[in-house]
């Protein structure tokens, strides 16, 4: 019997207390998302990697590579309820986010 799997996601930064990520335009906060912005997680060779969202725009690409190369924030493997809307950068949004484990060491290898 095949067991159902729960989708896992990667969150760069702390989970917002109000359950809504901020929308940034440069250094300015211009709004809130409908949930917590995350990346879909892909598991390979013993590590979890963030999947680039479909149809990325220049902002999506900039954020994605900045998180991978320069982020000093904590990074978490999370689960939650997928919201039907996508975020400003076409990333998945979650409600009821639960941290599975911290995976900061995968990314902040200085």
PDB file of N, CA and C in Angstrom:
ATOM      1  N   UNK A   1       0.838  -1.165   0.000  1.00  0.00           N
ATOM      2  CA  UNK A   1       0.000   0.000   0.000  1.00  0.00           C
ATOM      3  C   UNK A   1       0.893   1.241   0.000  1.00  0.00           C
ATOM      4  N   UNK A   2       0.656   2.167  -0.933  1.00  0.00           N
ATOM      5  CA  UNK A   2       1.427   3.392  -1.011  1.00  0.00           C
ATOM      6  C   UNK A   2       0.895   4.395   0.009  1.00  0.00           C
ATOM      7  N   UNK A   3       1.817   5.037   0.716  1.00  0.00           N
ATOM      8  CA  UNK A   3       1.435   5.990   1.743  1.00  0.00           C
ATOM      9  C   UNK A   3       1.381   7.396   1.147  1.00  0.00           C
ATOM     10  N   UNK A   4       0.381   8.172   1.527  1.00  0.00           N
ATOM     11  CA  UNK A   4       0.255   9.545   1.039  1.00  0.00           C
ATOM     12  C   UNK A   4       1.355  10.405   1.641  1.00  0.00           C
ATOM     13  N   UNK A   5       1.869  11.319   0.841  1.00  0.00           N
ATOM     14  CA  UNK A   5       2.897  12.214   1.358  1.00  0.00           C
ATOM     15  C   UNK A   5       2.332  13.626   1.492  1.00  0.00           C
ATOM     16  N   UNK A   6       2.839  14.336   2.458  1.00  0.00           N
ATOM     17  CA  UNK A   6       2.433  15.711   2.707  1.00  0.00           C
ATOM     18  C   UNK A   6       3.451  16.616   2.024  1.00  0.00           C
ATOM     19  N   UNK A   7       3.013  17.590   1.219  1.00  0.00           N
ATOM     20  CA  UNK A   7       3.966  18.497   0.587  1.00  0.00           C
ATOM     21  C   UNK A   7       4.728  19.301   1.639  1.00  0.00           C
ATOM     22  N   UNK A   8       6.017  19.467   1.420  1.00  0.00           N
ATOM     23  CA  UNK A   8       6.838  20.268   2.316  1.00  0.00           C
ATOM     24  C   UNK A   8       7.358  21.484   1.552  1.00  0.00           C
ATOM     25  N   UNK A   9       7.640  22.526   2.319  1.00  0.00           N
ATOM     26  CA  UNK A   9       8.026  23.805   1.744  1.00  0.00           C
ATOM     27  C   UNK A   9       9.225  24.355   2.500  1.00  0.00           C
ATOM     28  N   UNK A  10       9.901  25.315   1.891  1.00  0.00           N
ATOM     29  CA  UNK A  10      11.028  25.984   2.519  1.00  0.00           C
ATOM     30  C   UNK A  10      10.639  27.441   2.756  1.00  0.00           C
ATOM     31  N   UNK A  11      10.878  27.897   3.977  1.00  0.00           N
ATOM     32  CA  UNK A  11      10.608  29.279   4.356  1.00  0.00           C
ATOM     33  C   UNK A  11      11.926  29.938   4.745  1.00  0.00           C
ATOM     34  N   UNK A  12      12.267  31.032   4.076  1.00  0.00           N
ATOM     35  CA  UNK A  12      13.421  31.843   4.438  1.00  0.00           C
ATOM     36  C   UNK A  12      12.926  32.929   5.382  1.00  0.00           C
ATOM     37  N   UNK A  13      13.422  32.942   6.601  1.00  0.00           N
ATOM     38  CA  UNK A  13      13.009  33.923   7.604  1.00  0.00           C
ATOM     39  C   UNK A  13      11.964  33.359   8.540  1.00  0.00           C
ATOM     40  N   UNK A  14      11.724  34.125   9.599  1.00  0.00           N
ATOM     41  CA  UNK A  14      10.773  33.695  10.622  1.00  0.00           C
ATOM     42  C   UNK A  14       9.341  33.685  10.068  1.00  0.00           C
ATOM     43  N   UNK A  15       8.496  32.895  10.686  1.00  0.00           N
ATOM     44  CA  UNK A  15       7.085  32.838  10.313  1.00  0.00           C
ATOM     45  C   UNK A  15       6.413  34.097  10.892  1.00  0.00           C
ATOM     46  N   UNK A  16       5.775  34.930  10.073  1.00  0.00           N
ATOM     47  CA  UNK A  16       5.119  36.125  10.605  1.00  0.00           C
ATOM     48  C   UNK A  16       4.049  35.760  11.633  1.00  0.00           C
ATOM     49  N   UNK A  17       3.984  36.509  12.718  1.00  0.00           N
ATOM     50  CA  UNK A  17       3.014  36.225  13.781  1.00  0.00           C
ATOM     51  C   UNK A  17       1.575  36.286  13.283  1.00  0.00           C
ATOM     52  N   UNK A  18       1.296  37.194  12.347  1.00  0.00           N
ATOM     53  CA  UNK A  18      -0.075  37.329  11.851  1.00  0.00           C
ATOM     54  C   UNK A  18      -0.370  36.381  10.690  1.00  0.00           C
ATOM     55  N   UNK A  19       0.608  35.553  10.301  1.00  0.00           N
ATOM     56  CA  UNK A  19       0.392  34.568   9.249  1.00  0.00           C
ATOM     57  C   UNK A  19       0.376  35.151   7.845  1.00  0.00           C
ATOM     58  N   UNK A  20       0.923  36.364   7.681  1.00  0.00           N
ATOM     59  CA  UNK A  20       0.933  37.011   6.365  1.00  0.00           C
ATOM     60  C   UNK A  20       2.299  37.630   6.098  1.00  0.00           C
ATOM     61  N   UNK A  21       2.903  37.229   4.998  1.00  0.00           N
ATOM     62  CA  UNK A  21       4.185  37.806   4.609  1.00  0.00           C
ATOM     63  C   UNK A  21       3.975  39.208   4.058  1.00  0.00           C
ATOM     64  N   UNK A  22       4.991  40.021   4.198  1.00  0.00           N
ATOM     65  CA  UNK A  22       4.943  41.373   3.656  1.00  0.00           C
ATOM     66  C   UNK A  22       5.353  41.366   2.190  1.00  0.00           C
ATOM     67  N   UNK A  23       4.785  42.279   1.423  1.00  0.00           N
ATOM     68  CA  UNK A  23       5.164  42.469   0.029  1.00  0.00           C
ATOM     69  C   UNK A  23       6.114  43.654  -0.019  1.00  0.00           C
ATOM     70  N   UNK A  24       7.304  43.432  -0.561  1.00  0.00           N
ATOM     71  CA  UNK A  24       8.324  44.474  -0.639  1.00  0.00           C
ATOM     72  C   UNK A  24       8.461  44.966  -2.070  1.00  0.00           C
ATOM     73  N   UNK A  25       8.701  46.245  -2.201  1.00  0.00           N
ATOM     74  CA  UNK A  25       9.085  46.852  -3.469  1.00  0.00           C
ATOM     75  C   UNK A  25      10.376  47.587  -3.160  1.00  0.00           C
ATOM     76  N   UNK A  26      11.500  46.907  -3.461  1.00  0.00           N
ATOM     77  CA  UNK A  26      12.788  47.421  -3.002  1.00  0.00           C
ATOM     78  C   UNK A  26      12.842  47.301  -1.493  1.00  0.00           C
ATOM     79  N   UNK A  27      13.152  48.416  -0.817  1.00  0.00           N
ATOM     80  CA  UNK A  27      13.200  48.433   0.646  1.00  0.00           C
ATOM     81  C   UNK A  27      11.869  48.825   1.277  1.00  0.00           C
ATOM     82  N   UNK A  28      10.878  49.147   0.452  1.00  0.00           N
ATOM     83  CA  UNK A  28       9.590  49.607   0.947  1.00  0.00           C
ATOM     84  C   UNK A  28       8.588  48.458   1.058  1.00  0.00           C
ATOM     85  N   UNK A  29       7.826  48.437   2.150  1.00  0.00           N
ATOM     86  CA  UNK A  29       6.744  47.466   2.319  1.00  0.00           C
ATOM     87  C   UNK A  29       5.495  48.082   1.703  1.00  0.00           C
ATOM     88  N   UNK A  30       4.917  47.386   0.720  1.00  0.00           N
ATOM     89  CA  UNK A  30       3.774  47.936  -0.013  1.00  0.00           C
ATOM     90  C   UNK A  30       2.474  47.158   0.211  1.00  0.00           C
ATOM     91  N   UNK A  31       2.518  46.131   1.036  1.00  0.00           N
ATOM     92  CA  UNK A  31       1.301  45.366   1.298  1.00  0.00           C
ATOM     93  C   UNK A  31       1.583  44.075   2.019  1.00  0.00           C
ATOM     94  N   UNK A  32       0.551  43.227   2.108  1.00  0.00           N
ATOM     95  CA  UNK A  32       0.663  41.914   2.738  1.00  0.00           C
ATOM     96  C   UNK A  32       0.135  40.847   1.799  1.00  0.00           C
ATOM     97  N   UNK A  33       0.738  39.677   1.891  1.00  0.00           N
ATOM     98  CA  UNK A  33       0.246  38.526   1.139  1.00  0.00           C
ATOM     99  C   UNK A  33      -0.971  37.949   1.867  1.00  0.00           C
ATOM    100  N   UNK A  34      -1.669  37.032   1.223  1.00  0.00           N
ATOM    101  CA  UNK A  34      -2.818  36.365   1.839  1.00  0.00           C
ATOM    102  C   UNK A  34      -2.385  35.278   2.820  1.00  0.00           C
ATOM    103  N   UNK A  35      -1.105  34.940   2.848  1.00  0.00           N
ATOM    104  CA  UNK A  35      -0.569  33.911   3.742  1.00  0.00           C
ATOM    105  C   UNK A  35       0.934  34.065   3.863  1.00  0.00           C
ATOM    106  N   UNK A  36       1.595  33.008   4.272  1.00  0.00           N
ATOM    107  CA  UNK A  36       3.051  33.007   4.437  1.00  0.00           C
ATOM    108  C   UNK A  36       3.686  32.532   3.132  1.00  0.00           C
ATOM    109  N   UNK A  37       4.600  33.328   2.596  1.00  0.00           N
ATOM    110  CA  UNK A  37       5.250  32.959   1.344  1.00  0.00           C
ATOM    111  C   UNK A  37       6.353  31.933   1.599  1.00  0.00           C
ATOM    112  N   UNK A  38       6.386  30.931   0.745  1.00  0.00           N
ATOM    113  CA  UNK A  38       7.321  29.810   0.866  1.00  0.00           C
ATOM    114  C   UNK A  38       7.752  29.376  -0.535  1.00  0.00           C
ATOM    115  N   UNK A  39       8.689  28.455  -0.588  1.00  0.00           N
ATOM    116  CA  UNK A  39       9.063  27.783  -1.832  1.00  0.00           C
ATOM    117  C   UNK A  39       8.726  26.310  -1.701  1.00  0.00           C
ATOM    118  N   UNK A  40       8.288  25.692  -2.771  1.00  0.00           N
ATOM    119  CA  UNK A  40       8.119  24.241  -2.760  1.00  0.00           C
ATOM    120  C   UNK A  40       9.488  23.618  -2.522  1.00  0.00           C
ATOM    121  N   UNK A  41       9.538  22.534  -1.763  1.00  0.00           N
ATOM    122  CA  UNK A  41      10.802  21.870  -1.453  1.00  0.00           C
ATOM    123  C   UNK A  41      10.974  20.630  -2.318  1.00  0.00           C
ATOM    124  N   UNK A  42      12.188  20.469  -2.820  1.00  0.00           N
ATOM    125  CA  UNK A  42      12.570  19.287  -3.576  1.00  0.00           C
ATOM    126  C   UNK A  42      13.657  18.582  -2.769  1.00  0.00           C
ATOM    127  N   UNK A  43      13.506  17.284  -2.561  1.00  0.00           N
ATOM    128  CA  UNK A  43      14.488  16.513  -1.787  1.00  0.00           C
ATOM    129  C   UNK A  43      15.385  15.740  -2.734  1.00  0.00           C
ATOM    130  N   UNK A  44      16.697  15.956  -2.609  1.00  0.00           N
ATOM    131  CA  UNK A  44      17.666  15.244  -3.450  1.00  0.00           C
ATOM    132  C   UNK A  44      18.997  15.149  -2.726  1.00  0.00           C
ATOM    133  N   UNK A  45      19.610  13.997  -2.801  1.00  0.00           N
ATOM    134  CA  UNK A  45      20.939  13.772  -2.225  1.00  0.00           C
ATOM    135  C   UNK A  45      21.035  14.155  -0.748  1.00  0.00           C
ATOM    136  N   UNK A  46      19.954  13.931  -0.005  1.00  0.00           N
ATOM    137  CA  UNK A  46      19.972  14.173   1.437  1.00  0.00           C
ATOM    138  C   UNK A  46      19.698  15.604   1.855  1.00  0.00           C
ATOM    139  N   UNK A  47      19.356  16.479   0.906  1.00  0.00           N
ATOM    140  CA  UNK A  47      19.085  17.879   1.208  1.00  0.00           C
ATOM    141  C   UNK A  47      17.756  18.309   0.604  1.00  0.00           C
ATOM    142  N   UNK A  48      17.201  19.372   1.155  1.00  0.00           N
ATOM    143  CA  UNK A  48      16.019  19.998   0.585  1.00  0.00           C
ATOM    144  C   UNK A  48      16.438  21.265  -0.146  1.00  0.00           C
ATOM    145  N   UNK A  49      15.887  21.441  -1.334  1.00  0.00           N
ATOM    146  CA  UNK A  49      16.186  22.604  -2.166  1.00  0.00           C
ATOM    147  C   UNK A  49      14.888  23.323  -2.511  1.00  0.00           C
ATOM    148  N   UNK A  50      14.938  24.668  -2.608  1.00  0.00           N
ATOM    149  CA  UNK A  50      13.731  25.391  -3.003  1.00  0.00           C
ATOM    150  C   UNK A  50      13.540  25.344  -4.519  1.00  0.00           C
ATOM    151  N   UNK A  51      12.309  25.113  -4.938  1.00  0.00           N
ATOM    152  CA  UNK A  51      11.969  25.104  -6.360  1.00  0.00           C
ATOM    153  C   UNK A  51      11.598  26.523  -6.770  1.00  0.00           C
ATOM    154  N   UNK A  52      12.168  26.985  -7.868  1.00  0.00           N
ATOM    155  CA  UNK A  52      11.827  28.298  -8.400  1.00  0.00           C
ATOM    156  C   UNK A  52      10.366  28.276  -8.843  1.00  0.00           C
ATOM    157  N   UNK A  53       9.573  29.279  -8.453  1.00  0.00           N
ATOM    158  CA  UNK A  53       8.159  29.294  -8.872  1.00  0.00           C
ATOM    159  C   UNK A  53       8.016  29.342 -10.393  1.00  0.00           C
ATOM    160  N   UNK A  54       6.900  28.841 -10.887  1.00  0.00           N
ATOM    161  CA  UNK A  54       6.596  28.895 -12.318  1.00  0.00           C
ATOM    162  C   UNK A  54       6.452  30.347 -12.758  1.00  0.00           C
ATOM    163  N   UNK A  55       6.771  30.597 -14.011  1.00  0.00           N
ATOM    164  CA  UNK A  55       6.633  31.926 -14.612  1.00  0.00           C
ATOM    165  C   UNK A  55       7.267  33.031 -13.769  1.00  0.00           C
ATOM    166  N   UNK A  56       8.547  32.896 -13.433  1.00  0.00           N
ATOM    167  CA  UNK A  56       9.172  33.916 -12.583  1.00  0.00           C
ATOM    168  C   UNK A  56       9.330  35.245 -13.319  1.00  0.00           C
ATOM    169  N   UNK A  57       9.166  36.333 -12.558  1.00  0.00           N
ATOM    170  CA  UNK A  57       9.463  37.655 -13.093  1.00  0.00           C
ATOM    171  C   UNK A  57      10.826  38.088 -12.545  1.00  0.00           C
ATOM    172  N   UNK A  58      11.291  39.253 -12.881  1.00  0.00           N
ATOM    173  CA  UNK A  58      12.629  39.673 -12.446  1.00  0.00           C
ATOM    174  C   UNK A  58      12.718  39.759 -10.926  1.00  0.00           C
ATOM    175  N   UNK A  59      11.638  40.178 -10.263  1.00  0.00           N
ATOM    176  CA  UNK A  59      11.616  40.252  -8.809  1.00  0.00           C
ATOM    177  C   UNK A  59      11.727  38.856  -8.191  1.00  0.00           C
ATOM    178  N   UNK A  60      11.029  37.896  -8.785  1.00  0.00           N
ATOM    179  CA  UNK A  60      11.074  36.509  -8.309  1.00  0.00           C
ATOM    180  C   UNK A  60      12.498  35.979  -8.385  1.00  0.00           C
ATOM    181  N   UNK A  61      13.147  36.195  -9.527  1.00  0.00           N
ATOM    182  CA  UNK A  61      14.513  35.702  -9.728  1.00  0.00           C
ATOM    183  C   UNK A  61      15.489  36.361  -8.758  1.00  0.00           C
ATOM    184  N   UNK A  62      15.354  37.662  -8.579  1.00  0.00           N
ATOM    185  CA  UNK A  62      16.235  38.380  -7.661  1.00  0.00           C
ATOM    186  C   UNK A  62      16.090  37.840  -6.250  1.00  0.00           C
ATOM    187  N   UNK A  63      14.857  37.713  -5.771  1.00  0.00           N
ATOM    188  CA  UNK A  63      14.621  37.193  -4.422  1.00  0.00           C
ATOM    189  C   UNK A  63      15.158  35.773  -4.269  1.00  0.00           C
ATOM    190  N   UNK A  64      14.885  34.931  -5.226  1.00  0.00           N
ATOM    191  CA  UNK A  64      15.289  33.525  -5.169  1.00  0.00           C
ATOM    192  C   UNK A  64      16.808  33.411  -5.012  1.00  0.00           C
ATOM    193  N   UNK A  65      17.546  34.088  -5.884  1.00  0.00           N
ATOM    194  CA  UNK A  65      19.005  33.956  -5.831  1.00  0.00           C
ATOM    195  C   UNK A  65      19.617  34.710  -4.648  1.00  0.00           C
ATOM    196  N   UNK A  66      18.996  35.785  -4.212  1.00  0.00           N
ATOM    197  CA  UNK A  66      19.471  36.458  -3.001  1.00  0.00           C
ATOM    198  C   UNK A  66      19.332  35.553  -1.792  1.00  0.00           C
ATOM    199  N   UNK A  67      18.180  34.871  -1.680  1.00  0.00           N
ATOM    200  CA  UNK A  67      17.995  33.935  -0.564  1.00  0.00           C
ATOM    201  C   UNK A  67      19.046  32.833  -0.603  1.00  0.00           C
ATOM    202  N   UNK A  68      19.302  32.292  -1.777  1.00  0.00           N
ATOM    203  CA  UNK A  68      20.251  31.187  -1.890  1.00  0.00           C
ATOM    204  C   UNK A  68      21.696  31.610  -1.630  1.00  0.00           C
ATOM    205  N   UNK A  69      22.054  32.796  -2.074  1.00  0.00           N
ATOM    206  CA  UNK A  69      23.467  33.183  -2.026  1.00  0.00           C
ATOM    207  C   UNK A  69      23.841  34.113  -0.878  1.00  0.00           C
ATOM    208  N   UNK A  70      22.911  34.950  -0.427  1.00  0.00           N
ATOM    209  CA  UNK A  70      23.295  35.998   0.517  1.00  0.00           C
ATOM    210  C   UNK A  70      22.477  36.051   1.791  1.00  0.00           C
ATOM    211  N   UNK A  71      21.519  35.185   1.940  1.00  0.00           N
ATOM    212  CA  UNK A  71      20.624  35.272   3.091  1.00  0.00           C
ATOM    213  C   UNK A  71      21.357  34.975   4.397  1.00  0.00           C
ATOM    214  N   UNK A  72      21.075  35.791   5.394  1.00  0.00           N
ATOM    215  CA  UNK A  72      21.568  35.541   6.749  1.00  0.00           C
ATOM    216  C   UNK A  72      20.430  35.142   7.674  1.00  0.00           C
ATOM    217  N   UNK A  73      19.245  34.956   7.107  1.00  0.00           N
ATOM    218  CA  UNK A  73      18.087  34.608   7.927  1.00  0.00           C
ATOM    219  C   UNK A  73      18.043  33.108   8.185  1.00  0.00           C
ATOM    220  N   UNK A  74      17.258  32.733   9.151  1.00  0.00           N
ATOM    221  CA  UNK A  74      17.037  31.316   9.419  1.00  0.00           C
ATOM    222  C   UNK A  74      16.172  30.738   8.307  1.00  0.00           C
ATOM    223  N   UNK A  75      16.358  29.454   8.065  1.00  0.00           N
ATOM    224  CA  UNK A  75      15.626  28.772   6.994  1.00  0.00           C
ATOM    225  C   UNK A  75      14.945  27.551   7.608  1.00  0.00           C
ATOM    226  N   UNK A  76      13.673  27.356   7.249  1.00  0.00           N
ATOM    227  CA  UNK A  76      12.875  26.299   7.860  1.00  0.00           C
ATOM    228  C   UNK A  76      12.233  25.404   6.808  1.00  0.00           C
ATOM    229  N   UNK A  77      12.107  24.153   7.145  1.00  0.00           N
ATOM    230  CA  UNK A  77      11.286  23.213   6.393  1.00  0.00           C
ATOM    231  C   UNK A  77       9.928  23.243   7.075  1.00  0.00           C
ATOM    232  N   UNK A  78       8.864  23.534   6.300  1.00  0.00           N
ATOM    233  CA  UNK A  78       7.544  23.739   6.892  1.00  0.00           C
ATOM    234  C   UNK A  78       6.459  22.972   6.137  1.00  0.00           C
ATOM    235  N   UNK A  79       5.339  22.831   6.798  1.00  0.00           N
ATOM    236  CA  UNK A  79       4.113  22.328   6.171  1.00  0.00           C
ATOM    237  C   UNK A  79       3.018  23.332   6.477  1.00  0.00           C
ATOM    238  N   UNK A  80       1.912  23.225   5.763  1.00  0.00           N
ATOM    239  CA  UNK A  80       0.790  24.112   6.026  1.00  0.00           C
ATOM    240  C   UNK A  80      -0.302  23.879   5.005  1.00  0.00           C
ATOM    241  N   UNK A  81      -1.348  24.659   5.121  1.00  0.00           N
ATOM    242  CA  UNK A  81      -2.482  24.579   4.198  1.00  0.00           C
ATOM    243  C   UNK A  81      -2.218  25.504   3.023  1.00  0.00           C
ATOM    244  N   UNK A  82      -2.127  24.939   1.842  1.00  0.00           N
ATOM    245  CA  UNK A  82      -1.866  25.732   0.638  1.00  0.00           C
ATOM    246  C   UNK A  82      -3.081  26.616   0.337  1.00  0.00           C
ATOM    247  N   UNK A  83      -2.822  27.896   0.189  1.00  0.00           N
ATOM    248  CA  UNK A  83      -3.859  28.852  -0.184  1.00  0.00           C
ATOM    249  C   UNK A  83      -3.944  28.859  -1.704  1.00  0.00           C
ATOM    250  N   UNK A  84      -5.148  28.970  -2.231  1.00  0.00           N
ATOM    251  CA  UNK A  84      -5.335  28.884  -3.680  1.00  0.00           C
ATOM    252  C   UNK A  84      -4.630  30.003  -4.433  1.00  0.00           C
ATOM    253  N   UNK A  85      -4.477  31.152  -3.818  1.00  0.00           N
ATOM    254  CA  UNK A  85      -3.772  32.261  -4.449  1.00  0.00           C
ATOM    255  C   UNK A  85      -2.269  32.048  -4.346  1.00  0.00           C
ATOM    256  N   UNK A  86      -1.536  32.555  -5.326  1.00  0.00           N
ATOM    257  CA  UNK A  86      -0.079  32.597  -5.230  1.00  0.00           C
ATOM    258  C   UNK A  86       0.323  33.982  -4.765  1.00  0.00           C
ATOM    259  N   UNK A  87       1.571  34.092  -4.306  1.00  0.00           N
ATOM    260  CA  UNK A  87       2.071  35.363  -3.823  1.00  0.00           C
ATOM    261  C   UNK A  87       2.465  36.310  -4.948  1.00  0.00           C
ATOM    262  N   UNK A  88       2.911  37.471  -4.548  1.00  0.00           N
ATOM    263  CA  UNK A  88       3.303  38.540  -5.464  1.00  0.00           C
ATOM    264  C   UNK A  88       4.340  38.074  -6.490  1.00  0.00           C
ATOM    265  N   UNK A  89       5.243  37.200  -6.082  1.00  0.00           N
ATOM    266  CA  UNK A  89       6.282  36.659  -6.970  1.00  0.00           C
ATOM    267  C   UNK A  89       5.926  35.264  -7.489  1.00  0.00           C
ATOM    268  N   UNK A  90       4.643  34.940  -7.456  1.00  0.00           N
ATOM    269  CA  UNK A  90       4.111  33.648  -7.913  1.00  0.00           C
ATOM    270  C   UNK A  90       4.537  32.481  -7.032  1.00  0.00           C
ATOM    271  N   UNK A  91       4.983  32.775  -5.807  1.00  0.00           N
ATOM    272  CA  UNK A  91       5.370  31.730  -4.871  1.00  0.00           C
ATOM    273  C   UNK A  91       4.144  31.182  -4.154  1.00  0.00           C
ATOM    274  N   UNK A  92       4.217  29.944  -3.676  1.00  0.00           N
ATOM    275  CA  UNK A  92       3.106  29.393  -2.901  1.00  0.00           C
ATOM    276  C   UNK A  92       2.890  30.187  -1.610  1.00  0.00           C
ATOM    277  N   UNK A  93       1.647  30.253  -1.182  1.00  0.00           N
ATOM    278  CA  UNK A  93       1.285  30.859   0.100  1.00  0.00           C
ATOM    279  C   UNK A  93       0.634  29.798   0.964  1.00  0.00           C
ATOM    280  N   UNK A  94       0.963  29.810   2.257  1.00  0.00           N
ATOM    281  CA  UNK A  94       0.428  28.828   3.196  1.00  0.00           C
ATOM    282  C   UNK A  94      -0.291  29.505   4.346  1.00  0.00           C
ATOM    283  N   UNK A  95      -1.298  28.822   4.853  1.00  0.00           N
ATOM    284  CA  UNK A  95      -1.932  29.162   6.118  1.00  0.00           C
ATOM    285  C   UNK A  95      -1.600  28.067   7.112  1.00  0.00           C
ATOM    286  N   UNK A  96      -1.764  28.328   8.392  1.00  0.00           N
ATOM    287  CA  UNK A  96      -1.519  27.323   9.447  1.00  0.00           C
ATOM    288  C   UNK A  96      -0.134  26.680   9.313  1.00  0.00           C
ATOM    289  N   UNK A  97       0.874  27.501   9.184  1.00  0.00           N
ATOM    290  CA  UNK A  97       2.241  27.013   8.962  1.00  0.00           C
ATOM    291  C   UNK A  97       2.799  26.370  10.228  1.00  0.00           C
ATOM    292  N   UNK A  98       3.411  25.201  10.054  1.00  0.00           N
ATOM    293  CA  UNK A  98       4.079  24.482  11.141  1.00  0.00           C
ATOM    294  C   UNK A  98       5.515  24.186  10.719  1.00  0.00           C
ATOM    295  N   UNK A  99       6.458  24.504  11.582  1.00  0.00           N
ATOM    296  CA  UNK A  99       7.864  24.236  11.306  1.00  0.00           C
ATOM    297  C   UNK A  99       8.148  22.766  11.579  1.00  0.00           C
ATOM    298  N   UNK A 100       8.741  22.091  10.584  1.00  0.00           N
ATOM    299  CA  UNK A 100       9.172  20.696  10.748  1.00  0.00           C
ATOM    300  C   UNK A 100      10.560  20.663  11.372  1.00  0.00           C
ATOM    301  N   UNK A 101      11.474  21.450  10.780  1.00  0.00           N
ATOM    302  CA  UNK A 101      12.814  21.576  11.348  1.00  0.00           C
ATOM    303  C   UNK A 101      13.532  22.756  10.720  1.00  0.00           C
ATOM    304  N   UNK A 102      14.530  23.236  11.426  1.00  0.00           N
ATOM    305  CA  UNK A 102      15.363  24.305  10.890  1.00  0.00           C
ATOM    306  C   UNK A 102      16.426  23.696   9.982  1.00  0.00           C
ATOM    307  N   UNK A 103      16.614  24.298   8.803  1.00  0.00           N
ATOM    308  CA  UNK A 103      17.605  23.795   7.843  1.00  0.00           C
ATOM    309  C   UNK A 103      18.559  24.914   7.411  1.00  0.00           C
ATOM    310  N   UNK A 104      18.778  25.871   8.282  1.00  0.00           N
ATOM    311  CA  UNK A 104      19.635  27.015   7.980  1.00  0.00           C
ATOM    312  C   UNK A 104      21.016  26.576   7.515  1.00  0.00           C
ATOM    313  N   UNK A 105      21.553  25.543   8.112  1.00  0.00           N
ATOM    314  CA  UNK A 105      22.919  25.114   7.785  1.00  0.00           C
ATOM    315  C   UNK A 105      23.057  24.663   6.331  1.00  0.00           C
ATOM    316  N   UNK A 106      21.960  24.297   5.679  1.00  0.00           N
ATOM    317  CA  UNK A 106      22.000  23.931   4.267  1.00  0.00           C
ATOM    318  C   UNK A 106      22.392  25.129   3.401  1.00  0.00           C
ATOM    319  N   UNK A 107      22.039  26.329   3.848  1.00  0.00           N
ATOM    320  CA  UNK A 107      22.146  27.513   3.020  1.00  0.00           C
ATOM    321  C   UNK A 107      23.204  28.504   3.486  1.00  0.00           C
ATOM    322  N   UNK A 108      23.384  28.673   4.763  1.00  0.00           N
ATOM    323  CA  UNK A 108      24.345  29.645   5.287  1.00  0.00           C
ATOM    324  C   UNK A 108      25.665  28.937   5.586  1.00  0.00           C
ATOM    325  N   UNK A 109      26.383  28.614   4.555  1.00  0.00           N
ATOM    326  CA  UNK A 109      27.658  27.880   4.709  1.00  0.00           C
ATOM    327  C   UNK A 109      28.833  28.829   4.576  1.00  0.00           C
ATOM    328  N   UNK A 110      29.063  29.616   5.563  1.00  0.00           N
ATOM    329  CA  UNK A 110      30.169  30.584   5.511  1.00  0.00           C
ATOM    330  C   UNK A 110      31.365  30.057   6.229  1.00  0.00           C
TER     331      UNK A 110
END
